[in-house]
C-alpha atoms as a PDB file:
ATOM      1  CA  MET A   1      -0.148  -0.042  -0.126  1.00  0.00           C
ATOM      2  CA  THR A   2       1.495   3.493  -0.581  1.00  0.00           C
ATOM      3  CA  LEU A   3      -0.103   6.366   1.044  1.00  0.00           C
ATOM      4  CA  TYR A   4       0.419  10.348  -0.236  1.00  0.00           C
ATOM      5  CA  ARG A   5       1.661  13.130   2.113  1.00  0.00           C
ATOM      6  CA  ASN A   6      -0.845  15.381   0.172  1.00  0.00           C
ATOM      7  CA  GLN A   7      -4.110  13.147   1.328  1.00  0.00           C
ATOM      8  CA  THR A   8      -5.853  13.184   3.976  1.00  0.00           C
ATOM      9  CA  TYR A   9      -6.665   9.594   5.951  1.00  0.00           C
ATOM     10  CA  LEU A  10      -9.697   8.713   7.400  1.00  0.00           C
ATOM     11  CA  LEU A  11      -9.988   6.472   9.667  1.00  0.00           C
ATOM     12  CA  TYR A  12     -12.848   4.921  11.977  1.00  0.00           C
ATOM     13  CA  VAL A  13     -11.654   2.909  15.276  1.00  0.00           C
ATOM     14  CA  TYR A  14     -13.764   0.803  16.746  1.00  0.00           C
ATOM     15  CA  GLY A  15     -13.730  -1.211  19.743  1.00  0.00           C
ATOM     16  CA  PRO A  16     -12.362  -2.145  23.951  1.00  0.00           C
ATOM     17  CA  ASP A  17      -8.791  -0.574  23.024  1.00  0.00           C
ATOM     18  CA  GLN A  18     -10.377   2.631  20.962  1.00  0.00           C
ATOM     19  CA  TRP A  19      -8.450   5.027  22.709  1.00  0.00           C
ATOM     20  CA  GLU A  20      -5.105   3.188  22.444  1.00  0.00           C
ATOM     21  CA  ALA A  21      -5.358   2.887  19.311  1.00  0.00           C
ATOM     22  CA  LYS A  22      -6.106   6.005  18.135  1.00  0.00           C
ATOM     23  CA  ALA A  23      -2.924   7.487  19.891  1.00  0.00           C
ATOM     24  CA  ALA A  24      -1.347   4.853  18.158  1.00  0.00           C
ATOM     25  CA  MET A  25      -2.322   6.137  14.847  1.00  0.00           C
ATOM     26  CA  ARG A  26      -2.341   9.807  15.697  1.00  0.00           C
ATOM     27  CA  GLU A  27       1.535   8.830  16.576  1.00  0.00           C
ATOM     28  CA  VAL A  28       2.080   6.558  13.177  1.00  0.00           C
ATOM     29  CA  PHE A  29       0.483   9.212  10.780  1.00  0.00           C
ATOM     30  CA  ALA A  30       2.568  11.801  12.326  1.00  0.00           C
ATOM     31  CA  LYS A  31       6.012  10.549  12.510  1.00  0.00           C
ATOM     32  CA  HIS A  32       5.659   9.890   8.841  1.00  0.00           C
ATOM     33  CA  ARG A  33       3.975  13.294   8.070  1.00  0.00           C
ATOM     34  CA  LEU A  34       0.756  11.851   6.991  1.00  0.00           C
ATOM     35  CA  GLN A  35      -2.849  13.865   7.379  1.00  0.00           C
ATOM     36  CA  LEU A  36      -5.041  11.695   9.376  1.00  0.00           C
ATOM     37  CA  GLN A  37      -8.585  12.542  10.606  1.00  0.00           C
ATOM     38  CA  LEU A  38     -10.096  10.239  12.983  1.00  0.00           C
ATOM     39  CA  LYS A  39     -14.091   9.383  13.269  1.00  0.00           C
ATOM     40  CA  GLU A  40     -15.694  10.257  16.597  1.00  0.00           C
ATOM     41  CA  ASP A  41     -18.620   8.450  17.469  1.00  0.00           C
END
């Protein structure tokens, strides 16, 4: 899979560990300078 820096990625994260998973995804996307939007409940 190829991710592009000029796009924003919308992620839906659900489950018992969703808050930890969202934090981890924010960290990974920021590390690679990718734009992320997490869908809130």
